[in-house]
Amino acid sequence: MAAHAAVPVRRRASSTGATTPGWALPATLGVVYGWWTAFVAKSGAPVSWGQFWLGLISAVVLAGAVYGLRKVGRTLPRELHAAAWGALAGIAIGFLYSLSDVSILSATVLGLIVGGGVGAAAFYLYYTHEDAEGRPAPY
C-alpha cells in the first residue's frame, strides 16, 4: 500500500468523553465581568447596592450576549461573525473603561481599538479554519 493511499485519521471530540455544558463559558465570563464592573464602579468608596446591581446586570447582559453569539454565530458568514465578536468585545471594554471617570471620547477610542483587534483576530481564525468551499471546519 502506498503512502498516499493511507486511511485518514479521525479526530475525537474528547478522549474522556466528558464535555462542558454550553452555558459554562458564558456564565464564567459574565461572573468575572460583573465583578470587575462593580469593582471599577466602586472606585475606592464603600460598597453600595447600586454597584451590586450594576455588576449583576452587567454580568447577565454579557453572559446572555456571549451565549447568544455562540449559538447563532455559526450560521453567520465569517465576516459578520467576526464583526459581532469585535463589537461585543469593544462595547464591553469601552463600557468598563468609561466607568473609571474618563472622557467618553477616550472610552470610545479604546473600545474601537479593542473591537477592531478582536474582530481582525476572529476573522483570521474563521478564515484559516474553513474548508475550500467556505464551510467552517468541524471542531
C-alpha atoms as a PDB file:
ATOM      1  CA  MET A   1       0.000   0.000   0.000  1.00  0.00           C
ATOM      2  CA  ALA A   2       1.416   3.367  -0.975  1.00  0.00           C
ATOM      3  CA  ALA A   3       1.775   6.233   1.471  1.00  0.00           C
ATOM      4  CA  HIS A   4      -0.738   8.381  -0.379  1.00  0.00           C
ATOM      5  CA  ALA A   5      -3.416   5.737  -0.014  1.00  0.00           C
ATOM      6  CA  ALA A   6      -3.342   5.687   3.789  1.00  0.00           C
ATOM      7  CA  VAL A   7      -6.596   5.909   5.673  1.00  0.00           C
ATOM      8  CA  PRO A   8      -7.125   9.379   7.184  1.00  0.00           C
ATOM      9  CA  VAL A   9      -7.113   9.578  10.955  1.00  0.00           C
ATOM     10  CA  ARG A  10     -10.341  10.729  12.593  1.00  0.00           C
ATOM     11  CA  ARG A  11     -10.216  13.225  15.406  1.00  0.00           C
ATOM     12  CA  ARG A  12     -12.229  12.521  18.502  1.00  0.00           C
ATOM     13  CA  ALA A  13     -14.111  15.256  20.291  1.00  0.00           C
ATOM     14  CA  SER A  14     -12.680  14.266  23.649  1.00  0.00           C
ATOM     15  CA  SER A  15     -10.570  11.440  24.910  1.00  0.00           C
ATOM     16  CA  THR A  16     -12.512  11.125  28.173  1.00  0.00           C
ATOM     17  CA  GLY A  17     -15.975  11.664  26.745  1.00  0.00           C
ATOM     18  CA  ALA A  18     -16.675  14.486  29.219  1.00  0.00           C
ATOM     19  CA  THR A  19     -17.863  17.802  27.817  1.00  0.00           C
ATOM     20  CA  THR A  20     -18.705  21.083  29.463  1.00  0.00           C
ATOM     21  CA  PRO A  21     -22.217  22.483  29.155  1.00  0.00           C
ATOM     22  CA  GLY A  22     -22.794  25.259  26.612  1.00  0.00           C
ATOM     23  CA  TRP A  23     -23.587  27.804  29.316  1.00  0.00           C
ATOM     24  CA  ALA A  24     -20.395  27.280  31.370  1.00  0.00           C
ATOM     25  CA  LEU A  25     -18.105  29.673  29.465  1.00  0.00           C
ATOM     26  CA  PRO A  26     -20.681  32.491  29.127  1.00  0.00           C
ATOM     27  CA  ALA A  27     -21.590  32.176  32.818  1.00  0.00           C
ATOM     28  CA  THR A  28     -17.953  32.306  33.882  1.00  0.00           C
ATOM     29  CA  LEU A  29     -17.242  35.319  31.677  1.00  0.00           C
ATOM     30  CA  GLY A  30     -20.383  37.011  32.978  1.00  0.00           C
ATOM     31  CA  VAL A  31     -19.437  36.498  36.633  1.00  0.00           C
ATOM     32  CA  VAL A  32     -15.903  37.813  36.094  1.00  0.00           C
ATOM     33  CA  TYR A  33     -17.161  40.782  34.063  1.00  0.00           C
ATOM     34  CA  GLY A  34     -19.849  41.629  36.618  1.00  0.00           C
ATOM     35  CA  TRP A  35     -17.376  41.519  39.494  1.00  0.00           C
ATOM     36  CA  TRP A  36     -14.940  43.649  37.506  1.00  0.00           C
ATOM     37  CA  THR A  37     -17.685  46.166  36.664  1.00  0.00           C
ATOM     38  CA  ALA A  38     -18.731  46.527  40.294  1.00  0.00           C
ATOM     39  CA  PHE A  39     -15.098  46.852  41.376  1.00  0.00           C
ATOM     40  CA  VAL A  40     -14.336  49.613  38.838  1.00  0.00           C
ATOM     41  CA  ALA A  41     -17.554  51.477  39.704  1.00  0.00           C
ATOM     42  CA  LYS A  42     -16.644  51.326  43.405  1.00  0.00           C
ATOM     43  CA  SER A  43     -13.502  53.460  42.838  1.00  0.00           C
ATOM     44  CA  GLY A  44     -12.391  53.421  46.472  1.00  0.00           C
ATOM     45  CA  ALA A  45     -15.780  54.140  48.034  1.00  0.00           C
ATOM     46  CA  PRO A  46     -17.688  51.744  50.278  1.00  0.00           C
ATOM     47  CA  VAL A  47     -19.758  49.092  48.523  1.00  0.00           C
ATOM     48  CA  SER A  48     -23.337  50.102  47.756  1.00  0.00           C
ATOM     49  CA  TRP A  49     -26.425  48.374  46.386  1.00  0.00           C
ATOM     50  CA  GLY A  50     -26.119  50.391  43.181  1.00  0.00           C
ATOM     51  CA  GLN A  51     -22.730  48.868  42.445  1.00  0.00           C
ATOM     52  CA  PHE A  52     -24.088  45.406  43.228  1.00  0.00           C
ATOM     53  CA  TRP A  53     -26.971  45.830  40.786  1.00  0.00           C
ATOM     54  CA  LEU A  54     -24.689  47.337  38.144  1.00  0.00           C
ATOM     55  CA  GLY A  55     -22.385  44.306  38.423  1.00  0.00           C
ATOM     56  CA  LEU A  56     -25.272  41.833  38.369  1.00  0.00           C
ATOM     57  CA  ILE A  57     -26.976  43.402  35.353  1.00  0.00           C
ATOM     58  CA  SER A  58     -23.644  43.696  33.516  1.00  0.00           C
ATOM     59  CA  ALA A  59     -22.928  40.021  34.214  1.00  0.00           C
ATOM     60  CA  VAL A  60     -26.323  38.885  32.943  1.00  0.00           C
ATOM     61  CA  VAL A  61     -26.147  41.038  29.805  1.00  0.00           C
ATOM     62  CA  LEU A  62     -22.628  39.926  28.871  1.00  0.00           C
ATOM     63  CA  ALA A  63     -23.328  36.259  29.608  1.00  0.00           C
ATOM     64  CA  GLY A  64     -26.509  36.421  27.517  1.00  0.00           C
ATOM     65  CA  ALA A  65     -24.705  38.122  24.633  1.00  0.00           C
ATOM     66  CA  VAL A  66     -21.842  35.601  24.637  1.00  0.00           C
ATOM     67  CA  TYR A  67     -24.279  32.666  24.868  1.00  0.00           C
ATOM     68  CA  GLY A  68     -26.404  34.025  22.024  1.00  0.00           C
ATOM     69  CA  LEU A  69     -23.411  34.778  19.821  1.00  0.00           C
ATOM     70  CA  ARG A  70     -22.006  31.281  20.375  1.00  0.00           C
ATOM     71  CA  LYS A  71     -25.371  29.742  19.410  1.00  0.00           C
ATOM     72  CA  VAL A  72     -26.161  31.944  16.405  1.00  0.00           C
ATOM     73  CA  GLY A  73     -22.606  32.738  15.290  1.00  0.00           C
ATOM     74  CA  ARG A  74     -22.059  29.576  13.244  1.00  0.00           C
ATOM     75  CA  THR A  75     -24.971  30.496  10.974  1.00  0.00           C
ATOM     76  CA  LEU A  76     -23.417  33.869  10.092  1.00  0.00           C
ATOM     77  CA  PRO A  77     -20.864  34.409   7.334  1.00  0.00           C
ATOM     78  CA  ARG A  78     -17.322  34.689   8.659  1.00  0.00           C
ATOM     79  CA  GLU A  79     -17.209  38.478   8.183  1.00  0.00           C
ATOM     80  CA  LEU A  80     -20.352  39.104  10.231  1.00  0.00           C
ATOM     81  CA  HIS A  81     -19.367  36.514  12.824  1.00  0.00           C
ATOM     82  CA  ALA A  82     -16.000  38.214  13.342  1.00  0.00           C
ATOM     83  CA  ALA A  83     -17.590  41.676  13.363  1.00  0.00           C
ATOM     84  CA  ALA A  84     -20.082  40.543  16.020  1.00  0.00           C
ATOM     85  CA  TRP A  85     -17.296  39.300  18.319  1.00  0.00           C
ATOM     86  CA  GLY A  86     -15.372  42.521  17.714  1.00  0.00           C
ATOM     87  CA  ALA A  87     -18.404  44.658  18.513  1.00  0.00           C
ATOM     88  CA  LEU A  88     -19.143  42.690  21.678  1.00  0.00           C
ATOM     89  CA  ALA A  89     -15.557  42.985  22.924  1.00  0.00           C
ATOM     90  CA  GLY A  90     -15.293  46.668  22.010  1.00  0.00           C
ATOM     91  CA  ILE A  91     -18.560  47.574  23.725  1.00  0.00           C
ATOM     92  CA  ALA A  92     -17.655  45.575  26.848  1.00  0.00           C
ATOM     93  CA  ILE A  93     -14.201  47.114  27.237  1.00  0.00           C
ATOM     94  CA  GLY A  94     -15.395  50.621  26.333  1.00  0.00           C
ATOM     95  CA  PHE A  95     -18.124  50.391  28.986  1.00  0.00           C
ATOM     96  CA  LEU A  96     -15.673  49.187  31.631  1.00  0.00           C
ATOM     97  CA  TYR A  97     -13.238  51.961  30.802  1.00  0.00           C
ATOM     98  CA  SER A  98     -15.994  54.596  30.890  1.00  0.00           C
ATOM     99  CA  LEU A  99     -16.772  53.629  34.499  1.00  0.00           C
ATOM    100  CA  SER A 100     -13.338  54.858  35.594  1.00  0.00           C
ATOM    101  CA  ASP A 101     -14.289  58.560  35.147  1.00  0.00           C
ATOM    102  CA  VAL A 102     -12.537  59.161  31.845  1.00  0.00           C
ATOM    103  CA  SER A 103     -13.858  61.129  28.894  1.00  0.00           C
ATOM    104  CA  ILE A 104     -16.360  59.435  26.641  1.00  0.00           C
ATOM    105  CA  LEU A 105     -14.031  60.062  23.698  1.00  0.00           C
ATOM    106  CA  SER A 106     -11.177  58.072  25.224  1.00  0.00           C
ATOM    107  CA  ALA A 107     -13.553  55.239  26.199  1.00  0.00           C
ATOM    108  CA  THR A 108     -14.901  55.177  22.641  1.00  0.00           C
ATOM    109  CA  VAL A 109     -11.419  55.160  21.111  1.00  0.00           C
ATOM    110  CA  LEU A 110     -10.289  52.309  23.375  1.00  0.00           C
ATOM    111  CA  GLY A 111     -13.465  50.359  22.565  1.00  0.00           C
ATOM    112  CA  LEU A 112     -12.889  50.836  18.835  1.00  0.00           C
ATOM    113  CA  ILE A 113      -9.257  49.737  19.105  1.00  0.00           C
ATOM    114  CA  VAL A 114     -10.116  46.613  21.109  1.00  0.00           C
ATOM    115  CA  GLY A 115     -13.113  45.826  18.899  1.00  0.00           C
ATOM    116  CA  GLY A 116     -11.056  46.202  15.738  1.00  0.00           C
ATOM    117  CA  GLY A 117      -8.319  43.951  17.103  1.00  0.00           C
ATOM    118  CA  VAL A 118     -10.724  41.257  18.270  1.00  0.00           C
ATOM    119  CA  GLY A 119     -12.670  41.446  15.003  1.00  0.00           C
ATOM    120  CA  ALA A 120      -9.485  41.109  12.937  1.00  0.00           C
ATOM    121  CA  ALA A 121      -8.254  38.189  15.041  1.00  0.00           C
ATOM    122  CA  ALA A 122     -11.633  36.446  14.820  1.00  0.00           C
ATOM    123  CA  PHE A 123     -11.750  36.957  11.049  1.00  0.00           C
ATOM    124  CA  TYR A 124      -8.280  35.460  10.718  1.00  0.00           C
ATOM    125  CA  LEU A 125      -9.305  32.488  12.845  1.00  0.00           C
ATOM    126  CA  TYR A 126     -12.506  31.843  10.874  1.00  0.00           C
ATOM    127  CA  TYR A 127     -10.805  32.382   7.508  1.00  0.00           C
ATOM    128  CA  THR A 128      -7.979  29.941   8.241  1.00  0.00           C
ATOM    129  CA  HIS A 129     -10.258  27.270   9.744  1.00  0.00           C
ATOM    130  CA  GLU A 130     -12.636  26.638   6.883  1.00  0.00           C
ATOM    131  CA  ASP A 131     -12.601  24.200   4.020  1.00  0.00           C
ATOM    132  CA  ALA A 132     -12.252  25.037   0.324  1.00  0.00           C
ATOM    133  CA  GLU A 133     -15.995  25.652  -0.061  1.00  0.00           C
ATOM    134  CA  GLY A 134     -16.198  28.218   2.747  1.00  0.00           C
ATOM    135  CA  ARG A 135     -17.810  25.979   5.368  1.00  0.00           C
ATOM    136  CA  PRO A 136     -16.428  26.135   8.905  1.00  0.00           C
ATOM    137  CA  ALA A 137     -14.239  23.222   9.863  1.00  0.00           C
ATOM    138  CA  PRO A 138     -15.842  20.814  12.332  1.00  0.00           C
ATOM    139  CA  TYR A 139     -14.275  21.186  15.748  1.00  0.00           C
END
